[in-house]
Amino acid sequence: MTSLRSRLQHRLNPLHVYCRLRSLGLAHRPALMVSSCWERVLYRRILS
């Protein structure tokens, strides 16, 4: 059984966010910018 932290870590991973944005139709550059901001601003703080 995987832990909640492990599942959140996967779902909130910047690469996962990038892939979901791309699958929703967002172009490469904007998706990259959003996911890199996501990593810098939120991801490191949430899961550190």
PDB file of N, CA and C in Angstrom:
ATOM      1  N   MET A   1       0.847  -1.184   0.000  1.00  0.00           N
ATOM      2  CA  MET A   1       0.000   0.000   0.000  1.00  0.00           C
ATOM      3  C   MET A   1       0.892   1.248   0.000  1.00  0.00           C
ATOM      4  N   THR A   2       0.602   2.140  -0.913  1.00  0.00           N
ATOM      5  CA  THR A   2       1.399   3.359  -0.983  1.00  0.00           C
ATOM      6  C   THR A   2       0.850   4.399  -0.018  1.00  0.00           C
ATOM      7  N   SER A   3       1.728   5.181   0.500  1.00  0.00           N
ATOM      8  CA  SER A   3       1.317   6.205   1.464  1.00  0.00           C
ATOM      9  C   SER A   3       0.712   7.416   0.754  1.00  0.00           C
ATOM     10  N   LEU A   4      -0.009   8.180   1.504  1.00  0.00           N
ATOM     11  CA  LEU A   4      -0.603   9.398   0.967  1.00  0.00           C
ATOM     12  C   LEU A   4       0.484  10.338   0.473  1.00  0.00           C
ATOM     13  N   ARG A   5       1.568  10.437   1.239  1.00  0.00           N
ATOM     14  CA  ARG A   5       2.682  11.305   0.843  1.00  0.00           C
ATOM     15  C   ARG A   5       3.256  10.883  -0.506  1.00  0.00           C
ATOM     16  N   SER A   6       3.401   9.594  -0.703  1.00  0.00           N
ATOM     17  CA  SER A   6       3.945   9.079  -1.955  1.00  0.00           C
ATOM     18  C   SER A   6       3.025   9.411  -3.134  1.00  0.00           C
ATOM     19  N   ARG A   7       1.722   9.243  -2.932  1.00  0.00           N
ATOM     20  CA  ARG A   7       0.763   9.564  -4.004  1.00  0.00           C
ATOM     21  C   ARG A   7       0.760  11.060  -4.308  1.00  0.00           C
ATOM     22  N   LEU A   8       0.796  11.880  -3.266  1.00  0.00           N
ATOM     23  CA  LEU A   8       0.833  13.332  -3.477  1.00  0.00           C
ATOM     24  C   LEU A   8       2.126  13.751  -4.172  1.00  0.00           C
ATOM     25  N   GLN A   9       3.221  13.138  -3.760  1.00  0.00           N
ATOM     26  CA  GLN A   9       4.509  13.465  -4.362  1.00  0.00           C
ATOM     27  C   GLN A   9       4.480  13.182  -5.862  1.00  0.00           C
ATOM     28  N   HIS A  10       3.833  12.106  -6.264  1.00  0.00           N
ATOM     29  CA  HIS A  10       3.733  11.789  -7.687  1.00  0.00           C
ATOM     30  C   HIS A  10       2.823  12.778  -8.410  1.00  0.00           C
ATOM     31  N   ARG A  11       1.651  13.021  -7.860  1.00  0.00           N
ATOM     32  CA  ARG A  11       0.676  13.899  -8.516  1.00  0.00           C
ATOM     33  C   ARG A  11       1.135  15.349  -8.595  1.00  0.00           C
ATOM     34  N   LEU A  12       1.884  15.782  -7.601  1.00  0.00           N
ATOM     35  CA  LEU A  12       2.319  17.178  -7.559  1.00  0.00           C
ATOM     36  C   LEU A  12       3.694  17.391  -8.175  1.00  0.00           C
ATOM     37  N   ASN A  13       4.295  16.323  -8.665  1.00  0.00           N
ATOM     38  CA  ASN A  13       5.602  16.399  -9.304  1.00  0.00           C
ATOM     39  C   ASN A  13       5.531  17.356 -10.511  1.00  0.00           C
ATOM     40  N   PRO A  14       6.500  18.254 -10.644  1.00  0.00           N
ATOM     41  CA  PRO A  14       6.468  19.217 -11.745  1.00  0.00           C
ATOM     42  C   PRO A  14       6.400  18.564 -13.130  1.00  0.00           C
ATOM     43  N   LEU A  15       7.049  17.427 -13.323  1.00  0.00           N
ATOM     44  CA  LEU A  15       6.966  16.744 -14.611  1.00  0.00           C
ATOM     45  C   LEU A  15       5.552  16.223 -14.852  1.00  0.00           C
ATOM     46  N   HIS A  16       4.921  15.718 -13.825  1.00  0.00           N
ATOM     47  CA  HIS A  16       3.536  15.256 -13.936  1.00  0.00           C
ATOM     48  C   HIS A  16       2.615  16.436 -14.265  1.00  0.00           C
ATOM     49  N   VAL A  17       2.824  17.547 -13.603  1.00  0.00           N
ATOM     50  CA  VAL A  17       2.030  18.757 -13.874  1.00  0.00           C
ATOM     51  C   VAL A  17       2.222  19.189 -15.323  1.00  0.00           C
ATOM     52  N   TYR A  18       3.472  19.182 -15.795  1.00  0.00           N
ATOM     53  CA  TYR A  18       3.770  19.549 -17.185  1.00  0.00           C
ATOM     54  C   TYR A  18       3.023  18.627 -18.158  1.00  0.00           C
ATOM     55  N   CYS A  19       3.100  17.331 -17.912  1.00  0.00           N
ATOM     56  CA  CYS A  19       2.436  16.369 -18.804  1.00  0.00           C
ATOM     57  C   CYS A  19       0.929  16.562 -18.819  1.00  0.00           C
ATOM     58  N   ARG A  20       0.335  16.835 -17.657  1.00  0.00           N
ATOM     59  CA  ARG A  20      -1.115  17.054 -17.601  1.00  0.00           C
ATOM     60  C   ARG A  20      -1.487  18.329 -18.359  1.00  0.00           C
ATOM     61  N   LEU A  21      -0.683  19.373 -18.226  1.00  0.00           N
ATOM     62  CA  LEU A  21      -0.963  20.609 -18.955  1.00  0.00           C
ATOM     63  C   LEU A  21      -0.865  20.392 -20.457  1.00  0.00           C
ATOM     64  N   ARG A  22       0.132  19.621 -20.885  1.00  0.00           N
ATOM     65  CA  ARG A  22       0.290  19.320 -22.311  1.00  0.00           C
ATOM     66  C   ARG A  22      -0.893  18.498 -22.815  1.00  0.00           C
ATOM     67  N   SER A  23      -1.343  17.544 -22.016  1.00  0.00           N
ATOM     68  CA  SER A  23      -2.475  16.703 -22.449  1.00  0.00           C
ATOM     69  C   SER A  23      -3.775  17.505 -22.506  1.00  0.00           C
ATOM     70  N   LEU A  24      -3.821  18.614 -21.768  1.00  0.00           N
ATOM     71  CA  LEU A  24      -4.993  19.490 -21.823  1.00  0.00           C
ATOM     72  C   LEU A  24      -4.938  20.459 -22.999  1.00  0.00           C
ATOM     73  N   GLY A  25      -3.824  20.431 -23.750  1.00  0.00           N
ATOM     74  CA  GLY A  25      -3.722  21.240 -24.956  1.00  0.00           C
ATOM     75  C   GLY A  25      -2.871  22.488 -24.834  1.00  0.00           C
ATOM     76  N   LEU A  26      -2.214  22.677 -23.711  1.00  0.00           N
ATOM     77  CA  LEU A  26      -1.357  23.841 -23.538  1.00  0.00           C
ATOM     78  C   LEU A  26      -0.070  23.636 -24.339  1.00  0.00           C
ATOM     79  N   ALA A  27       0.409  24.672 -24.972  1.00  0.00           N
ATOM     80  CA  ALA A  27       1.629  24.590 -25.762  1.00  0.00           C
ATOM     81  C   ALA A  27       2.843  24.321 -24.866  1.00  0.00           C
ATOM     82  N   HIS A  28       3.940  23.898 -25.490  1.00  0.00           N
ATOM     83  CA  HIS A  28       5.150  23.507 -24.754  1.00  0.00           C
ATOM     84  C   HIS A  28       5.665  24.606 -23.837  1.00  0.00           C
ATOM     85  N   ARG A  29       5.893  25.776 -24.382  1.00  0.00           N
ATOM     86  CA  ARG A  29       6.525  26.850 -23.613  1.00  0.00           C
ATOM     87  C   ARG A  29       5.695  27.285 -22.394  1.00  0.00           C
ATOM     88  N   PRO A  30       4.395  27.569 -22.553  1.00  0.00           N
ATOM     89  CA  PRO A  30       3.603  27.944 -21.374  1.00  0.00           C
ATOM     90  C   PRO A  30       3.527  26.830 -20.334  1.00  0.00           C
ATOM     91  N   ALA A  31       3.405  25.582 -20.787  1.00  0.00           N
ATOM     92  CA  ALA A  31       3.360  24.453 -19.849  1.00  0.00           C
ATOM     93  C   ALA A  31       4.678  24.338 -19.096  1.00  0.00           C
ATOM     94  N   LEU A  32       5.779  24.562 -19.779  1.00  0.00           N
ATOM     95  CA  LEU A  32       7.094  24.520 -19.151  1.00  0.00           C
ATOM     96  C   LEU A  32       7.236  25.637 -18.126  1.00  0.00           C
ATOM     97  N   MET A  33       6.771  26.821 -18.466  1.00  0.00           N
ATOM     98  CA  MET A  33       6.862  27.951 -17.547  1.00  0.00           C
ATOM     99  C   MET A  33       6.010  27.708 -16.296  1.00  0.00           C
ATOM    100  N   VAL A  34       4.807  27.202 -16.475  1.00  0.00           N
ATOM    101  CA  VAL A  34       3.926  26.933 -15.332  1.00  0.00           C
ATOM    102  C   VAL A  34       4.528  25.857 -14.446  1.00  0.00           C
ATOM    103  N   SER A  35       5.016  24.778 -15.046  1.00  0.00           N
ATOM    104  CA  SER A  35       5.553  23.684 -14.233  1.00  0.00           C
ATOM    105  C   SER A  35       6.849  24.082 -13.533  1.00  0.00           C
ATOM    106  N   SER A  36       7.670  24.911 -14.153  1.00  0.00           N
ATOM    107  CA  SER A  36       8.899  25.345 -13.476  1.00  0.00           C
ATOM    108  C   SER A  36       8.580  26.323 -12.342  1.00  0.00           C
ATOM    109  N   CYS A  37       7.589  27.185 -12.535  1.00  0.00           N
ATOM    110  CA  CYS A  37       7.147  28.056 -11.439  1.00  0.00           C
ATOM    111  C   CYS A  37       6.532  27.227 -10.327  1.00  0.00           C
ATOM    112  N   TRP A  38       5.762  26.229 -10.709  1.00  0.00           N
ATOM    113  CA  TRP A  38       5.164  25.313  -9.730  1.00  0.00           C
ATOM    114  C   TRP A  38       6.250  24.682  -8.869  1.00  0.00           C
ATOM    115  N   GLU A  39       7.324  24.235  -9.508  1.00  0.00           N
ATOM    116  CA  GLU A  39       8.408  23.596  -8.765  1.00  0.00           C
ATOM    117  C   GLU A  39       9.079  24.579  -7.811  1.00  0.00           C
ATOM    118  N   ARG A  40       9.415  25.755  -8.310  1.00  0.00           N
ATOM    119  CA  ARG A  40      10.141  26.729  -7.486  1.00  0.00           C
ATOM    120  C   ARG A  40       9.300  27.280  -6.346  1.00  0.00           C
ATOM    121  N   VAL A  41       8.050  27.594  -6.620  1.00  0.00           N
ATOM    122  CA  VAL A  41       7.226  28.303  -5.640  1.00  0.00           C
ATOM    123  C   VAL A  41       6.519  27.362  -4.673  1.00  0.00           C
ATOM    124  N   LEU A  42       5.941  26.271  -5.163  1.00  0.00           N
ATOM    125  CA  LEU A  42       5.101  25.445  -4.298  1.00  0.00           C
ATOM    126  C   LEU A  42       5.653  24.064  -3.990  1.00  0.00           C
ATOM    127  N   TYR A  43       6.084  23.336  -4.982  1.00  0.00           N
ATOM    128  CA  TYR A  43       6.438  21.928  -4.796  1.00  0.00           C
ATOM    129  C   TYR A  43       7.505  21.722  -3.730  1.00  0.00           C
ATOM    130  N   ARG A  44       8.550  22.497  -3.778  1.00  0.00           N
ATOM    131  CA  ARG A  44       9.637  22.341  -2.803  1.00  0.00           C
ATOM    132  C   ARG A  44       9.176  22.664  -1.389  1.00  0.00           C
ATOM    133  N   ARG A  45       8.254  23.587  -1.253  1.00  0.00           N
ATOM    134  CA  ARG A  45       7.741  23.971   0.072  1.00  0.00           C
ATOM    135  C   ARG A  45       6.739  22.959   0.594  1.00  0.00           C
ATOM    136  N   ILE A  46       5.931  22.412  -0.271  1.00  0.00           N
ATOM    137  CA  ILE A  46       4.894  21.463   0.146  1.00  0.00           C
ATOM    138  C   ILE A  46       5.535  20.156   0.618  1.00  0.00           C
ATOM    139  N   LEU A  47       6.486  19.654  -0.142  1.00  0.00           N
ATOM    140  CA  LEU A  47       7.014  18.323   0.136  1.00  0.00           C
ATOM    141  C   LEU A  47       8.407  18.328   0.742  1.00  0.00           C
ATOM    142  N   SER A  48       8.817  19.423   1.312  1.00  0.00           N
ATOM    143  CA  SER A  48      10.142  19.443   1.948  1.00  0.00           C
ATOM    144  C   SER A  48      10.036  19.174   3.431  1.00  0.00           C
TER     145      SER A  48
END
